[in-house]
Amino acid sequence: LDHFKAYNDHYGFLRGDDALRFAARTIQETALDVCGEDVFVGHLGGDDFVVICPPEAAERISKEILERAARDFPTLYEEEDRRRGHIEVENRQQQVERFPLLSVSIGVATTSRRRFTHPSEAVGVATELKEYAKRTEGPSYAVDRRTAPETPSG
């Protein structure tokens, strides 16, 4: 989730927990709608979630999560903040900063072009792609389209 810390600081941890549950439901319902029971959704901690699905469903799930989040996440805000399109949060230097409404950045590690020998490899790729997606303003997803280097036979 993008800007979750600001949301949590502004509205408090109880509403932050509600927002995490709301996001989890959005992700889970979307994944189930796209893949049926052939999917796993988990909460890694903080504002990070994981979806494990067939490679051919990853982009469709990603797009649908972004659409649903853009439509539904604004309901987590007070009317005034929603109308403004941002919240204002005081930082440690007592300066007020503006933060956009919650959105989602997704990194997709897929086995459609390569295989991973250990789950940590997939996590590393997904994390790298998520950070890349976060550099884009607003909701975004990035898919790893790289192929693994050829291993010499012999």
C-alpha atoms as a PDB file:
ATOM      1  CA  LEU A   1       0.000   0.000   0.000  1.00  0.00           C
ATOM      2  CA  ASP A   2       1.325   3.424  -0.910  1.00  0.00           C
ATOM      3  CA  HIS A   3       1.165   6.160   1.744  1.00  0.00           C
ATOM      4  CA  PHE A   4      -0.089   3.784   4.445  1.00  0.00           C
ATOM      5  CA  LYS A   5       2.198   5.232   7.150  1.00  0.00           C
ATOM      6  CA  ALA A   6       0.774   8.704   6.532  1.00  0.00           C
ATOM      7  CA  TYR A   7      -2.782   7.302   6.682  1.00  0.00           C
ATOM      8  CA  ASN A   8      -1.981   5.493   9.936  1.00  0.00           C
ATOM      9  CA  ASP A   9      -0.353   8.608  11.444  1.00  0.00           C
ATOM     10  CA  HIS A  10      -3.296  10.796  10.420  1.00  0.00           C
ATOM     11  CA  TYR A  11      -6.212   8.543  11.406  1.00  0.00           C
ATOM     12  CA  GLY A  12      -4.634   6.371  14.112  1.00  0.00           C
ATOM     13  CA  PHE A  13      -3.758   2.722  14.354  1.00  0.00           C
ATOM     14  CA  LEU A  14      -7.333   1.452  14.763  1.00  0.00           C
ATOM     15  CA  ARG A  15      -8.386   2.949  11.438  1.00  0.00           C
ATOM     16  CA  GLY A  16      -5.042   1.837  10.030  1.00  0.00           C
ATOM     17  CA  ASP A  17      -5.897  -1.739  11.008  1.00  0.00           C
ATOM     18  CA  ASP A  18      -9.310  -1.312   9.398  1.00  0.00           C
ATOM     19  CA  ALA A  19      -7.609  -0.079   6.221  1.00  0.00           C
ATOM     20  CA  LEU A  20      -5.305  -3.116   6.174  1.00  0.00           C
ATOM     21  CA  ARG A  21      -8.284  -5.463   6.564  1.00  0.00           C
ATOM     22  CA  PHE A  22     -10.118  -3.570   3.812  1.00  0.00           C
ATOM     23  CA  ALA A  23      -7.099  -3.880   1.518  1.00  0.00           C
ATOM     24  CA  ALA A  24      -6.773  -7.589   2.346  1.00  0.00           C
ATOM     25  CA  ARG A  25     -10.431  -8.192   1.462  1.00  0.00           C
ATOM     26  CA  THR A  26     -10.048  -6.239  -1.776  1.00  0.00           C
ATOM     27  CA  ILE A  27      -6.982  -8.273  -2.778  1.00  0.00           C
ATOM     28  CA  GLN A  28      -8.495 -11.597  -1.730  1.00  0.00           C
ATOM     29  CA  GLU A  29     -11.848 -11.015  -3.433  1.00  0.00           C
ATOM     30  CA  THR A  30     -10.118  -9.886  -6.620  1.00  0.00           C
ATOM     31  CA  ALA A  31      -7.769 -12.875  -6.696  1.00  0.00           C
ATOM     32  CA  LEU A  32     -10.651 -15.294  -6.061  1.00  0.00           C
ATOM     33  CA  ASP A  33     -12.803 -13.633  -8.733  1.00  0.00           C
ATOM     34  CA  VAL A  34     -10.032 -13.998 -11.311  1.00  0.00           C
ATOM     35  CA  CYS A  35      -8.622 -17.425 -10.363  1.00  0.00           C
ATOM     36  CA  GLY A  36     -11.260 -19.172  -8.304  1.00  0.00           C
ATOM     37  CA  GLU A  37      -9.700 -21.426  -5.689  1.00  0.00           C
ATOM     38  CA  ASP A  38      -6.394 -21.691  -7.615  1.00  0.00           C
ATOM     39  CA  VAL A  39      -4.829 -18.797  -5.693  1.00  0.00           C
ATOM     40  CA  PHE A  40      -3.192 -17.989  -2.359  1.00  0.00           C
ATOM     41  CA  VAL A  41      -3.384 -14.568  -0.699  1.00  0.00           C
ATOM     42  CA  GLY A  42      -1.288 -13.725   2.343  1.00  0.00           C
ATOM     43  CA  HIS A  43      -0.354 -10.763   4.531  1.00  0.00           C
ATOM     44  CA  LEU A  44       3.420 -10.512   4.844  1.00  0.00           C
ATOM     45  CA  GLY A  45       3.246  -7.835   7.521  1.00  0.00           C
ATOM     46  CA  GLY A  46       2.851  -4.091   7.645  1.00  0.00           C
ATOM     47  CA  ASP A  47       1.327  -2.940   4.370  1.00  0.00           C
ATOM     48  CA  ASP A  48       2.707  -5.801   2.249  1.00  0.00           C
ATOM     49  CA  PHE A  49       0.647  -8.638   0.794  1.00  0.00           C
ATOM     50  CA  VAL A  50       1.401 -11.588  -1.475  1.00  0.00           C
ATOM     51  CA  VAL A  51      -0.681 -13.302  -4.135  1.00  0.00           C
ATOM     52  CA  ILE A  52       0.434 -16.638  -5.556  1.00  0.00           C
ATOM     53  CA  CYS A  53      -1.438 -17.531  -8.722  1.00  0.00           C
ATOM     54  CA  PRO A  54      -0.957 -19.092 -12.146  1.00  0.00           C
ATOM     55  CA  PRO A  55       1.456 -16.926 -14.182  1.00  0.00           C
ATOM     56  CA  GLU A  56      -1.134 -16.199 -16.856  1.00  0.00           C
ATOM     57  CA  ALA A  57      -3.453 -14.603 -14.256  1.00  0.00           C
ATOM     58  CA  ALA A  58      -0.920 -12.264 -12.620  1.00  0.00           C
ATOM     59  CA  GLU A  59      -1.417  -9.209 -14.842  1.00  0.00           C
ATOM     60  CA  ARG A  60      -5.195  -9.516 -14.843  1.00  0.00           C
ATOM     61  CA  ILE A  61      -5.238  -9.744 -11.040  1.00  0.00           C
ATOM     62  CA  SER A  62      -2.855  -6.772 -10.791  1.00  0.00           C
ATOM     63  CA  LYS A  63      -4.965  -4.580 -13.077  1.00  0.00           C
ATOM     64  CA  GLU A  64      -8.175  -5.521 -11.281  1.00  0.00           C
ATOM     65  CA  ILE A  65      -6.677  -4.826  -7.827  1.00  0.00           C
ATOM     66  CA  LEU A  66      -5.560  -1.374  -9.003  1.00  0.00           C
ATOM     67  CA  GLU A  67      -9.024  -0.613 -10.418  1.00  0.00           C
ATOM     68  CA  ARG A  68     -10.864  -1.764  -7.296  1.00  0.00           C
ATOM     69  CA  ALA A  69      -8.454   0.059  -4.984  1.00  0.00           C
ATOM     70  CA  ALA A  70      -8.831   3.308  -6.947  1.00  0.00           C
ATOM     71  CA  ARG A  71     -12.607   2.972  -6.734  1.00  0.00           C
ATOM     72  CA  ASP A  72     -12.938   1.767  -3.121  1.00  0.00           C
ATOM     73  CA  PHE A  73      -9.988   3.049  -1.065  1.00  0.00           C
ATOM     74  CA  PRO A  74     -11.235   6.663  -1.000  1.00  0.00           C
ATOM     75  CA  THR A  75     -14.149   5.449   1.183  1.00  0.00           C
ATOM     76  CA  LEU A  76     -11.600   4.957   3.977  1.00  0.00           C
ATOM     77  CA  TYR A  77     -11.186   8.742   4.254  1.00  0.00           C
ATOM     78  CA  GLU A  78     -13.221  11.501   5.835  1.00  0.00           C
ATOM     79  CA  GLU A  79     -15.241  13.442   3.273  1.00  0.00           C
ATOM     80  CA  GLU A  80     -13.046  16.552   3.465  1.00  0.00           C
ATOM     81  CA  ASP A  81      -9.834  14.575   2.855  1.00  0.00           C
ATOM     82  CA  ARG A  82     -11.479  12.610   0.054  1.00  0.00           C
ATOM     83  CA  ARG A  83     -12.614  15.845  -1.657  1.00  0.00           C
ATOM     84  CA  ARG A  84      -9.129  17.348  -1.361  1.00  0.00           C
ATOM     85  CA  GLY A  85      -7.531  14.148  -2.631  1.00  0.00           C
ATOM     86  CA  HIS A  86      -4.859  14.174   0.058  1.00  0.00           C
ATOM     87  CA  ILE A  87      -4.230  14.256   3.798  1.00  0.00           C
ATOM     88  CA  GLU A  88      -1.939  16.547   5.714  1.00  0.00           C
ATOM     89  CA  VAL A  89       0.420  15.007   8.249  1.00  0.00           C
ATOM     90  CA  GLU A  90       2.940  16.750  10.469  1.00  0.00           C
ATOM     91  CA  ASN A  91       6.433  15.253  10.215  1.00  0.00           C
ATOM     92  CA  ARG A  92       9.080  15.008  12.955  1.00  0.00           C
ATOM     93  CA  GLN A  93      10.267  18.544  12.181  1.00  0.00           C
ATOM     94  CA  GLN A  94       6.710  19.839  12.795  1.00  0.00           C
ATOM     95  CA  GLN A  95       6.291  20.580   9.090  1.00  0.00           C
ATOM     96  CA  VAL A  96       3.003  19.711   7.435  1.00  0.00           C
ATOM     97  CA  GLU A  97       3.330  17.376   4.457  1.00  0.00           C
ATOM     98  CA  ARG A  98       0.667  16.384   1.941  1.00  0.00           C
ATOM     99  CA  PHE A  99       0.139  12.742   1.062  1.00  0.00           C
ATOM    100  CA  PRO A 100      -2.092  11.378  -1.699  1.00  0.00           C
ATOM    101  CA  LEU A 101      -4.824   8.904  -0.842  1.00  0.00           C
ATOM    102  CA  LEU A 102      -3.899   5.252  -0.390  1.00  0.00           C
ATOM    103  CA  SER A 103      -3.021   3.434  -3.579  1.00  0.00           C
ATOM    104  CA  VAL A 104      -1.317   0.192  -4.528  1.00  0.00           C
ATOM    105  CA  SER A 105       2.028  -0.659  -6.109  1.00  0.00           C
ATOM    106  CA  ILE A 106       2.510  -4.239  -7.259  1.00  0.00           C
ATOM    107  CA  GLY A 107       5.639  -6.135  -8.225  1.00  0.00           C
ATOM    108  CA  VAL A 108       5.097  -9.341 -10.211  1.00  0.00           C
ATOM    109  CA  ALA A 109       7.670 -12.134 -10.196  1.00  0.00           C
ATOM    110  CA  THR A 110       6.562 -14.735 -12.701  1.00  0.00           C
ATOM    111  CA  THR A 111       7.693 -18.174 -13.788  1.00  0.00           C
ATOM    112  CA  SER A 112       6.429 -17.653 -17.333  1.00  0.00           C
ATOM    113  CA  ARG A 113       9.965 -16.835 -18.592  1.00  0.00           C
ATOM    114  CA  ARG A 114      12.197 -18.398 -15.934  1.00  0.00           C
ATOM    115  CA  ARG A 115      12.192 -20.700 -12.942  1.00  0.00           C
ATOM    116  CA  PHE A 116      13.159 -19.860  -9.390  1.00  0.00           C
ATOM    117  CA  THR A 117      15.197 -22.382  -7.435  1.00  0.00           C
ATOM    118  CA  HIS A 118      14.142 -20.965  -4.056  1.00  0.00           C
ATOM    119  CA  PRO A 119      11.132 -18.922  -2.893  1.00  0.00           C
ATOM    120  CA  SER A 120      13.480 -16.155  -1.705  1.00  0.00           C
ATOM    121  CA  GLU A 121      14.464 -15.530  -5.345  1.00  0.00           C
ATOM    122  CA  ALA A 122      10.838 -14.833  -6.274  1.00  0.00           C
ATOM    123  CA  VAL A 123      10.438 -12.604  -3.209  1.00  0.00           C
ATOM    124  CA  GLY A 124      13.554 -10.646  -4.192  1.00  0.00           C
ATOM    125  CA  VAL A 125      12.324 -10.108  -7.752  1.00  0.00           C
ATOM    126  CA  ALA A 126       8.817  -9.142  -6.590  1.00  0.00           C
ATOM    127  CA  THR A 127      10.292  -6.667  -4.076  1.00  0.00           C
ATOM    128  CA  GLU A 128      12.532  -5.135  -6.747  1.00  0.00           C
ATOM    129  CA  LEU A 129       9.587  -4.734  -9.127  1.00  0.00           C
ATOM    130  CA  LYS A 130       7.350  -3.310  -6.372  1.00  0.00           C
ATOM    131  CA  GLU A 131       9.971  -0.654  -5.621  1.00  0.00           C
ATOM    132  CA  TYR A 132      10.151   0.111  -9.338  1.00  0.00           C
ATOM    133  CA  ALA A 133       6.332   0.431  -9.490  1.00  0.00           C
ATOM    134  CA  LYS A 134       6.361   2.749  -6.445  1.00  0.00           C
ATOM    135  CA  ARG A 135       8.494   5.237  -8.386  1.00  0.00           C
ATOM    136  CA  THR A 136       5.471   5.861 -10.603  1.00  0.00           C
ATOM    137  CA  GLU A 137       3.008   8.420  -9.247  1.00  0.00           C
ATOM    138  CA  GLY A 138      -0.232   6.737  -8.226  1.00  0.00           C
ATOM    139  CA  PRO A 139      -1.256   3.110  -8.524  1.00  0.00           C
ATOM    140  CA  SER A 140       1.026   0.956 -10.638  1.00  0.00           C
ATOM    141  CA  TYR A 141       2.288  -2.533 -11.285  1.00  0.00           C
ATOM    142  CA  ALA A 142       5.474  -3.861 -12.856  1.00  0.00           C
ATOM    143  CA  VAL A 143       6.021  -7.345 -14.277  1.00  0.00           C
ATOM    144  CA  ASP A 144       9.394  -9.055 -14.490  1.00  0.00           C
ATOM    145  CA  ARG A 145       9.826  -9.925 -18.173  1.00  0.00           C
ATOM    146  CA  ARG A 146      13.482 -10.892 -17.929  1.00  0.00           C
ATOM    147  CA  THR A 147      14.622 -14.399 -18.756  1.00  0.00           C
ATOM    148  CA  ALA A 148      17.092 -16.423 -16.754  1.00  0.00           C
ATOM    149  CA  PRO A 149      20.572 -16.708 -18.259  1.00  0.00           C
ATOM    150  CA  GLU A 150      21.206 -19.895 -20.202  1.00  0.00           C
ATOM    151  CA  THR A 151      23.142 -22.517 -18.291  1.00  0.00           C
ATOM    152  CA  PRO A 152      25.864 -24.166 -20.327  1.00  0.00           C
ATOM    153  CA  SER A 153      25.249 -27.831 -21.041  1.00  0.00           C
ATOM    154  CA  GLY A 154      28.008 -30.292 -20.887  1.00  0.00           C
END
